[in-house]
Amino acid sequence: MVYDNEKQILNDIKKNNKTFKFQQENKKLRGAKIKYEKYKSATNYDEFLKLGGSNGDLKNDLQKGYIKINEIDEVLSDNNSEHSITSEIVDVEEIEDENVDENVDENLEENVEESNGKKVIKYVDLFCGLGAFHESFKKSKKNYECVFACDINENVRRIYEENHGIKTHGDINKINIKNIPDFDILCAGFPCQPFSIAGKKEGFNDKEKGNLFYNILDIVDIKNPNTLILENVKNLLSINNGKTFNIIYEELCKRGYNVSYKIIDSKYYNSPQSRKRLLIICDKIKKYIFKDIKNDITPVSSIIDKDEIDELDYHNKYNLIENECCYKKESCNMKFKLIHKISGKGGRQGERVYLPNSCGPTICASSGGPGAKTGLYYINGKVRRLNVNETLQMFGFSKNYKWKDIVNKEDMLFYLGNSIVVNVIDEIIKDL
């Protein structure tokens, strides 16, 4: 059969299940080997889709010569034809199925630009918070660019913009996905309250926050990024007897991702804080391999502000009771417990006093008591919370991070309690 133009070729592939062969002939075509390895077993349109291909991929693969179809050489042999691949292929949406969005991004190896001789790798920062992902990417030797960031909290957005110089967007439910620029990597520390030990552990039953994972999937379905980096509390693995995580895992696999996950404790990643979080890395091309990292403990004393004069005046309300077993290797060393003088109760998380000679406990936005959010420390014979600059460093942020002209101390500590640890992301992105 001889085709009049490339629209007929595409129509024959999609409507009549025309067979084709994926090839790797031009080694100069960037991404050819990766495409070949991913789709080489596909011989028709249905098989191409099952392997994770999309209409956008098909369009680009034809245009760049990755696939060969019977009789296509006859069409392309006439260089003067007005029906060239480059002129007609852009109109492929006219014949695509109505229920499939053609505006999908190309894979990471093709969706890059050159800047100062380096590839520009674009990422989006969903539920961006204070910008832990952004902090790590801008320190990387690779050339990363954040093209979109969003968070529902207005003050958080103002802080993010002040420190990272990028306009942020609000509620993810109100964002038109097609207006998000194309990108290669999706980063999301999606809200953890529905899954956390400190929360109600409602999972997907939390209609407001638990279902925000599906907003991520909506973006993935339209933009088709090569890589996803997702972060959440470790309890996500066990809530509802593992059913919630199984749903997440299966949904990601359905979309052609190789899914890797691991619970990581930040205290082994040069952070003075012990914060266990679940990291999920998804990649369309390869399976991410987590390194077995166990660096020496960085003590809280390394970030202590010697000029801090604030302290907790506990004497009228609490007794300071020494903890008999307070020295444990690679552990948070609790020196005292605060016990209420009248009720005799105490020793909860916000009533524990730690030594700064080891790592500190998890900083939590929702924790209360005298040591709310940061925990209490015994420093130079006094009991006190960490200040904001110290807490920033517990997460790997610079103590010069800007916040004072935007929010008060307690709000900033709350936002930090919901943050991702920069040190962990620093290490994770080395092997992307």
Protein backbone atom coordinates (compact mmCIF):
# COMPACT_ATOMS: atom_id res chain seq x y z
CA MET A 1 0.00 0.00 0.00
CA VAL A 2 1.22 3.52 -0.84
CA TYR A 3 0.21 6.33 1.49
CA ASP A 4 -0.63 9.83 0.31
CA ASN A 5 0.57 11.38 3.56
CA GLU A 6 1.65 10.61 7.11
CA LYS A 7 -1.82 11.10 8.53
CA GLN A 8 -2.81 7.98 6.68
CA ILE A 9 0.17 6.15 8.16
CA LEU A 10 -0.79 7.12 11.68
CA ASN A 11 -4.42 6.27 11.05
CA ASP A 12 -3.41 2.86 9.71
CA ILE A 13 -1.36 2.19 12.85
CA LYS A 14 -4.08 3.23 15.27
CA LYS A 15 -7.33 2.29 13.56
CA ASN A 16 -6.28 -0.73 11.53
CA ASN A 17 -3.64 -2.04 13.91
CA LYS A 18 -0.88 -1.72 11.30
CA THR A 19 2.25 -3.62 12.34
CA PHE A 20 5.61 -1.94 12.63
CA LYS A 21 9.11 -2.57 13.89
CA PHE A 22 10.97 -0.49 16.45
CA GLN A 23 14.55 0.06 15.38
CA GLN A 24 17.79 1.56 16.58
CA GLU A 25 19.60 2.66 13.45
CA ASN A 26 20.82 6.22 13.97
CA LYS A 27 23.03 6.21 17.07
CA LYS A 28 23.31 9.98 16.88
CA LEU A 29 19.64 10.34 17.76
CA ARG A 30 19.59 11.18 21.46
CA GLY A 31 17.45 8.76 23.40
CA ALA A 32 17.34 6.13 20.62
CA LYS A 33 18.87 3.36 22.73
CA ILE A 34 16.58 4.06 25.67
CA LYS A 35 13.52 4.09 23.43
CA TYR A 36 14.64 0.91 21.72
CA GLU A 37 15.10 -0.98 24.98
CA LYS A 38 11.70 0.12 26.24
CA TYR A 39 9.55 -0.53 23.16
CA LYS A 40 11.54 -3.00 21.02
CA SER A 41 9.07 -5.85 21.57
CA ALA A 42 6.08 -3.81 20.36
CA THR A 43 4.80 -4.69 16.88
CA ASN A 44 1.49 -2.82 16.88
CA TYR A 45 -0.29 0.09 18.51
CA ASP A 46 -1.93 -1.91 21.34
CA GLU A 47 1.38 -3.48 22.36
CA PHE A 48 3.03 -0.06 22.23
CA LEU A 49 0.47 1.30 24.73
CA LYS A 50 0.82 -1.68 27.07
CA LEU A 51 4.56 -1.02 27.31
CA GLY A 52 3.85 2.49 28.53
CA GLY A 53 3.89 4.28 25.18
CA SER A 54 1.54 7.16 24.51
CA ASN A 55 0.16 9.04 21.56
CA GLY A 56 2.76 11.71 22.16
CA ASP A 57 5.50 9.05 22.11
CA LEU A 58 4.16 7.63 18.86
CA LYS A 59 4.18 11.07 17.29
CA ASN A 60 7.77 11.72 18.32
CA ASP A 61 9.02 8.24 17.49
CA LEU A 62 7.73 8.51 13.95
CA GLN A 63 9.14 11.98 13.56
CA LYS A 64 12.59 10.98 14.80
CA GLY A 65 12.80 7.75 12.87
CA TYR A 66 12.73 5.31 15.76
CA ILE A 67 10.11 3.02 14.22
CA LYS A 68 9.80 1.56 10.75
CA ILE A 69 6.51 0.80 9.04
CA ASN A 70 5.90 -1.08 5.79
CA GLU A 71 5.85 1.21 2.75
CA ILE A 72 6.91 4.23 4.80
CA ASP A 73 10.13 4.53 2.79
CA GLU A 74 8.10 5.18 -0.36
CA VAL A 75 6.49 8.17 1.27
CA LEU A 76 9.71 9.58 2.65
CA SER A 77 11.76 9.06 -0.51
CA ASP A 78 10.33 12.21 -2.12
CA ASN A 79 12.12 15.06 -0.34
CA ASN A 80 10.05 17.61 -2.22
CA SER A 81 6.72 16.20 -1.10
CA GLU A 82 4.50 18.65 0.74
CA HIS A 83 3.47 15.74 2.95
CA SER A 84 6.67 15.41 4.97
CA ILE A 85 6.85 13.87 8.43
CA THR A 86 7.69 17.20 10.02
CA SER A 87 4.83 19.04 8.35
CA GLU A 88 2.07 16.51 8.93
CA ILE A 89 2.99 14.80 12.19
CA VAL A 90 2.08 17.82 14.28
CA ASP A 91 -1.54 17.42 13.27
CA VAL A 92 -1.82 13.89 14.61
CA GLU A 93 -4.33 14.98 17.27
CA GLU A 94 -6.97 15.31 14.58
CA ILE A 95 -7.16 11.53 14.32
CA GLU A 96 -6.43 10.53 17.92
CA ASP A 97 -8.95 8.89 20.18
CA GLU A 98 -11.13 11.41 21.99
CA ASN A 99 -10.55 9.84 25.39
CA VAL A 100 -6.74 10.11 25.23
CA ASP A 101 -4.88 13.33 25.94
CA GLU A 102 -2.18 13.91 23.35
CA ASN A 103 -0.39 16.56 25.40
CA VAL A 104 2.07 14.19 27.04
CA ASP A 105 5.68 15.01 27.63
CA GLU A 106 8.57 13.10 26.12
CA ASN A 107 10.81 11.00 28.34
CA LEU A 108 13.66 12.45 30.35
CA GLU A 109 16.32 11.69 27.77
CA GLU A 110 14.52 13.81 25.15
CA ASN A 111 12.91 16.56 27.19
CA VAL A 112 16.09 18.47 27.91
CA GLU A 113 17.59 21.73 26.78
CA GLU A 114 21.20 22.81 26.73
CA SER A 115 22.46 25.45 29.16
CA ASN A 116 26.16 26.20 29.51
CA GLY A 117 26.91 22.87 27.90
CA LYS A 118 24.77 20.92 30.40
CA LYS A 119 21.39 19.32 29.96
CA VAL A 120 18.59 21.18 31.66
CA ILE A 121 16.50 18.69 33.62
CA LYS A 122 13.12 20.16 34.52
CA TYR A 123 11.14 19.28 37.63
CA VAL A 124 7.94 20.25 39.42
CA ASP A 125 7.66 20.67 43.18
CA LEU A 126 4.16 19.65 44.32
CA PHE A 127 3.05 20.36 47.92
CA CYS A 128 6.35 22.22 47.91
CA GLY A 129 6.42 23.37 51.54
CA LEU A 130 9.67 25.19 52.33
CA GLY A 131 11.40 23.70 49.31
CA ALA A 132 13.58 20.79 50.45
CA PHE A 133 13.61 19.36 46.92
CA HIS A 134 14.53 22.77 45.52
CA GLU A 135 17.39 23.14 48.02
CA SER A 136 18.88 19.82 46.92
CA PHE A 137 18.47 20.29 43.19
CA LYS A 138 20.10 23.72 43.16
CA LYS A 139 23.17 22.26 44.93
CA SER A 140 23.53 19.42 42.43
CA LYS A 141 26.29 19.34 39.83
CA LYS A 142 23.62 18.60 37.23
CA ASN A 143 21.59 21.41 35.70
CA TYR A 144 18.10 21.22 37.24
CA GLU A 145 15.35 23.78 36.73
CA CYS A 146 12.13 24.05 38.73
CA VAL A 147 9.34 24.96 36.29
CA PHE A 148 6.36 24.72 38.64
CA ALA A 149 5.71 24.69 42.40
CA CYS A 150 2.48 24.64 44.39
CA ASP A 151 1.28 24.62 47.98
CA ILE A 152 -2.10 25.37 49.51
CA ASN A 153 -0.66 27.53 52.31
CA GLU A 154 -0.23 31.19 51.33
CA ASN A 155 2.54 31.93 53.85
CA VAL A 156 4.49 28.86 52.77
CA ARG A 157 4.27 30.06 49.18
CA ARG A 158 5.59 33.48 50.18
CA ILE A 159 8.52 31.88 52.01
CA TYR A 160 9.24 29.61 49.04
CA GLU A 161 9.20 32.51 46.61
CA GLU A 162 11.46 34.60 48.84
CA ASN A 163 14.09 31.86 49.07
CA HIS A 164 13.87 30.22 45.66
CA GLY A 165 12.82 33.04 43.35
CA ILE A 166 10.02 31.21 41.58
CA LYS A 167 6.33 32.04 41.45
CA THR A 168 4.26 29.42 43.27
CA HIS A 169 0.69 28.26 42.74
CA GLY A 170 -2.03 27.39 45.25
CA ASP A 171 -4.49 24.54 45.78
CA ILE A 172 -3.59 21.62 43.51
CA ASN A 173 -7.30 20.87 43.07
CA LYS A 174 -7.74 24.19 41.27
CA ILE A 175 -4.77 23.92 38.90
CA ASN A 176 -5.28 23.32 35.19
CA ILE A 177 -2.80 20.54 34.52
CA LYS A 178 -2.42 21.49 30.86
CA ASN A 179 -0.99 24.83 32.00
CA ILE A 180 1.85 23.13 33.87
CA PRO A 181 5.05 23.35 31.76
CA ASP A 182 6.52 20.09 30.49
CA PHE A 183 8.92 18.47 32.94
CA ASP A 184 11.07 15.40 33.52
CA ILE A 185 10.83 14.80 37.27
CA LEU A 186 7.79 15.07 39.56
CA CYS A 187 8.58 15.68 43.24
CA ALA A 188 5.87 15.43 45.86
CA GLY A 189 5.90 15.17 49.62
CA PHE A 190 2.14 14.70 49.57
CA PRO A 191 0.26 15.40 52.84
CA CYS A 192 1.11 12.81 55.46
CA GLN A 193 -1.54 13.51 58.11
CA PRO A 194 -3.97 10.85 56.82
CA PHE A 195 -1.23 8.21 57.13
CA SER A 196 0.89 9.32 60.09
CA ILE A 197 1.18 7.84 63.56
CA ALA A 198 0.55 11.29 65.02
CA GLY A 199 -2.58 11.72 62.90
CA LYS A 200 -5.83 9.77 62.73
CA LYS A 201 -4.45 7.29 60.19
CA GLU A 202 -7.54 7.53 57.98
CA GLY A 203 -5.60 7.07 54.73
CA PHE A 204 -7.71 7.46 51.61
CA ASN A 205 -10.79 7.82 53.83
CA ASP A 206 -9.61 11.36 54.53
CA LYS A 207 -11.54 13.01 51.69
CA GLU A 208 -9.66 16.30 51.90
CA LYS A 209 -6.03 15.16 52.11
CA GLY A 210 -5.92 11.40 51.68
CA ASN A 211 -7.03 11.54 48.07
CA LEU A 212 -4.42 14.06 46.96
CA PHE A 213 -2.36 11.13 45.70
CA TYR A 214 -4.86 10.90 42.87
CA ASN A 215 -4.10 14.51 41.95
CA ILE A 216 -0.53 13.35 41.42
CA LEU A 217 -1.76 10.55 39.18
CA ASP A 218 -3.86 13.00 37.16
CA ILE A 219 -0.74 15.05 36.46
CA VAL A 220 1.28 11.93 35.65
CA ASP A 221 -1.37 10.74 33.17
CA ILE A 222 -1.25 13.99 31.22
CA LYS A 223 2.41 14.99 31.51
CA ASN A 224 4.00 11.51 31.50
CA PRO A 225 7.24 12.36 33.36
CA ASN A 226 10.10 9.91 33.36
CA THR A 227 10.76 10.05 37.10
CA LEU A 228 8.73 10.50 40.29
CA ILE A 229 10.14 11.17 43.76
CA LEU A 230 7.48 10.76 46.44
CA GLU A 231 7.91 11.15 50.21
CA ASN A 232 5.59 10.28 53.07
CA VAL A 233 5.56 8.89 56.61
CA LYS A 234 6.71 5.33 57.20
CA ASN A 235 3.22 4.41 58.40
CA LEU A 236 2.02 4.57 54.80
CA LEU A 237 3.38 1.04 54.38
CA SER A 238 1.28 -0.45 57.18
CA ILE A 239 -1.98 1.54 57.36
CA ASN A 240 -5.08 -0.56 56.60
CA ASN A 241 -2.92 -3.69 56.78
CA GLY A 242 -0.88 -2.52 53.81
CA LYS A 243 -3.88 -2.08 51.51
CA THR A 244 -3.38 1.66 51.09
CA PHE A 245 0.23 1.27 49.96
CA ASN A 246 -0.69 -1.61 47.68
CA ILE A 247 -3.13 0.68 45.88
CA ILE A 248 -0.43 3.32 45.46
CA TYR A 249 2.09 0.74 44.25
CA GLU A 250 -0.30 -0.81 41.74
CA GLU A 251 -1.41 2.55 40.35
CA LEU A 252 2.20 3.54 39.74
CA CYS A 253 3.04 0.22 38.11
CA LYS A 254 0.01 0.51 35.82
CA ARG A 255 1.55 3.65 34.39
CA GLY A 256 4.71 1.88 33.33
CA TYR A 257 6.95 2.83 36.25
CA ASN A 258 9.60 0.71 37.89
CA VAL A 259 8.78 1.35 41.56
CA SER A 260 11.38 1.30 44.34
CA TYR A 261 10.78 2.27 47.95
CA LYS A 262 12.60 2.34 51.26
CA ILE A 263 12.17 3.70 54.78
CA ILE A 264 15.09 6.06 55.39
CA ASP A 265 16.23 7.49 58.72
CA SER A 266 17.74 10.93 58.21
CA LYS A 267 20.16 10.47 61.12
CA TYR A 268 22.32 8.33 58.83
CA TYR A 269 22.36 11.05 56.16
CA ASN A 270 24.34 13.69 58.10
CA SER A 271 21.24 15.20 59.67
CA PRO A 272 21.16 15.78 63.46
CA GLN A 273 17.54 14.61 63.44
CA SER A 274 16.22 11.06 63.50
CA ARG A 275 13.33 11.25 61.05
CA LYS A 276 12.09 8.06 59.44
CA ARG A 277 10.30 8.61 56.15
CA LEU A 278 9.22 6.51 53.21
CA LEU A 279 10.85 7.40 49.90
CA ILE A 280 9.28 6.11 46.69
CA ILE A 281 11.31 6.47 43.47
CA CYS A 282 9.61 5.65 40.17
CA ASP A 283 11.34 5.53 36.80
CA LYS A 284 10.10 4.61 33.33
CA ILE A 285 13.50 3.34 32.13
CA LYS A 286 15.29 1.69 35.03
CA LYS A 287 14.67 0.54 38.59
CA TYR A 288 16.17 2.87 41.16
CA ILE A 289 18.55 1.15 43.60
CA PHE A 290 18.76 2.65 47.08
CA LYS A 291 22.25 2.75 48.53
CA ASP A 292 22.87 1.26 51.96
CA ILE A 293 23.93 4.44 53.75
CA LYS A 294 24.85 4.56 57.42
CA ASN A 295 27.03 7.58 58.09
CA ASP A 296 28.22 8.43 61.57
CA ILE A 297 25.71 10.28 63.74
CA THR A 298 25.80 14.06 63.49
CA PRO A 299 25.00 15.37 67.00
CA VAL A 300 22.54 18.14 67.75
CA SER A 301 25.42 19.99 69.41
CA SER A 302 26.78 20.71 65.92
CA ILE A 303 23.93 23.13 65.17
CA ILE A 304 23.41 24.69 68.61
CA ASP A 305 23.26 28.48 68.70
CA LYS A 306 25.56 29.51 71.55
CA ASP A 307 24.00 32.96 71.69
CA GLU A 308 20.48 31.70 72.38
CA ILE A 309 19.34 32.91 75.81
CA ASP A 310 15.77 31.58 75.86
CA GLU A 311 15.01 28.77 78.31
CA LEU A 312 12.03 26.90 79.74
CA ASP A 313 10.88 28.02 83.17
CA TYR A 314 9.50 24.70 84.32
CA HIS A 315 10.15 24.92 88.07
CA ASN A 316 6.67 25.99 89.20
CA LYS A 317 4.82 23.37 87.18
CA TYR A 318 7.11 20.38 86.63
CA ASN A 319 9.68 18.26 88.40
CA LEU A 320 12.74 17.28 86.40
CA ILE A 321 13.19 13.51 86.80
CA GLU A 322 16.39 11.93 85.53
CA ASN A 323 16.09 9.07 83.06
CA GLU A 324 18.18 6.13 84.29
CA CYS A 325 19.09 4.79 80.86
CA CYS A 326 19.95 7.80 78.74
CA TYR A 327 23.13 6.83 76.88
CA LYS A 328 22.53 4.67 73.84
CA LYS A 329 24.70 4.44 70.77
CA GLU A 330 23.16 5.96 67.61
CA SER A 331 20.02 6.87 69.54
CA CYS A 332 18.33 9.97 70.91
CA ASN A 333 19.59 10.29 74.45
CA MET A 334 16.80 11.35 76.80
CA LYS A 335 18.34 12.82 79.96
CA PHE A 336 15.20 13.90 81.89
CA LYS A 337 11.44 13.68 81.99
CA LEU A 338 9.16 16.53 82.99
CA ILE A 339 6.59 15.27 85.50
CA HIS A 340 3.64 17.47 86.41
CA LYS A 341 3.76 18.40 90.11
CA ILE A 342 0.01 18.07 90.69
CA SER A 343 -1.12 15.27 88.39
CA GLY A 344 2.08 13.24 88.55
CA LYS A 345 1.80 12.65 84.84
CA GLY A 346 4.43 13.41 82.23
CA GLY A 347 7.15 11.98 80.08
CA ARG A 348 5.27 12.34 76.82
CA GLN A 349 7.15 13.45 73.71
CA GLY A 350 6.85 17.16 74.48
CA GLU A 351 7.94 16.52 78.09
CA ARG A 352 11.19 14.72 77.36
CA VAL A 353 14.55 16.44 77.67
CA TYR A 354 17.37 15.22 75.42
CA LEU A 355 21.12 15.60 75.48
CA PRO A 356 22.63 17.29 72.40
CA ASN A 357 25.50 14.76 72.24
CA SER A 358 23.61 12.55 69.76
CA CYS A 359 20.80 12.87 67.22
CA GLY A 360 17.52 14.49 68.18
CA PRO A 361 13.98 13.10 67.92
CA THR A 362 11.61 13.74 65.01
CA ILE A 363 10.49 17.34 64.76
CA CYS A 364 6.72 17.21 64.44
CA ALA A 365 4.30 19.99 63.49
CA SER A 366 1.51 18.53 65.60
CA SER A 367 3.37 17.75 68.85
CA GLY A 368 2.48 19.68 72.01
CA GLY A 369 3.65 20.19 75.57
CA PRO A 370 6.53 22.40 76.76
CA GLY A 371 8.76 20.96 74.03
CA ALA A 372 6.19 21.39 71.26
CA LYS A 373 7.48 20.78 67.74
CA THR A 374 11.26 20.74 68.37
CA GLY A 375 11.60 18.72 71.55
CA LEU A 376 13.50 19.87 74.67
CA TYR A 377 17.27 19.82 75.16
CA TYR A 378 19.54 20.12 78.18
CA ILE A 379 22.09 22.73 77.11
CA ASN A 380 24.61 24.31 79.47
CA GLY A 381 22.53 23.37 82.50
CA LYS A 382 19.31 24.81 81.07
CA VAL A 383 16.25 23.24 79.46
CA ARG A 384 14.99 24.76 76.22
CA ARG A 385 13.49 24.18 72.81
CA LEU A 386 15.46 24.67 69.63
CA ASN A 387 15.13 28.05 67.97
CA VAL A 388 14.15 28.41 64.30
CA ASN A 389 17.68 28.72 62.96
CA GLU A 390 18.72 25.57 64.80
CA THR A 391 15.63 23.75 63.56
CA LEU A 392 16.34 24.80 59.97
CA GLN A 393 19.72 23.10 60.25
CA MET A 394 18.10 19.97 61.67
CA PHE A 395 16.49 19.68 58.23
CA GLY A 396 19.56 20.61 56.22
CA PHE A 397 18.43 24.16 55.40
CA SER A 398 20.82 27.08 55.80
CA LYS A 399 20.55 29.08 59.00
CA ASN A 400 20.34 32.09 56.68
CA TYR A 401 17.05 30.86 55.21
CA LYS A 402 14.64 33.81 55.00
CA TRP A 403 11.44 33.78 57.06
CA LYS A 404 11.46 36.50 59.74
CA ASP A 405 9.73 39.17 57.66
CA ILE A 406 6.97 36.77 56.61
CA VAL A 407 5.83 34.62 59.56
CA ASN A 408 6.31 34.35 63.32
CA LYS A 409 8.45 31.81 65.15
CA GLU A 410 5.70 29.31 65.98
CA ASP A 411 4.35 29.27 62.43
CA MET A 412 7.82 28.70 61.02
CA LEU A 413 8.43 25.80 63.41
CA PHE A 414 5.08 24.34 62.31
CA TYR A 415 6.10 24.52 58.64
CA LEU A 416 9.44 22.93 59.45
CA GLY A 417 7.63 20.12 61.26
CA ASN A 418 6.03 19.21 57.92
CA SER A 419 9.24 19.47 55.90
CA ILE A 420 11.40 16.93 54.13
CA VAL A 421 15.04 16.59 55.20
CA VAL A 422 17.28 18.16 52.58
CA ASN A 423 20.21 15.87 53.42
CA VAL A 424 18.23 12.81 52.37
CA ILE A 425 17.23 14.30 49.01
CA ASP A 426 20.86 15.37 48.45
CA GLU A 427 21.85 11.72 48.46
CA ILE A 428 18.82 10.36 46.63
CA ILE A 429 19.20 12.52 43.51
CA LYS A 430 22.84 11.51 42.99
CA ASP A 431 21.68 8.26 41.36
CA LEU A 432 18.72 9.48 39.30
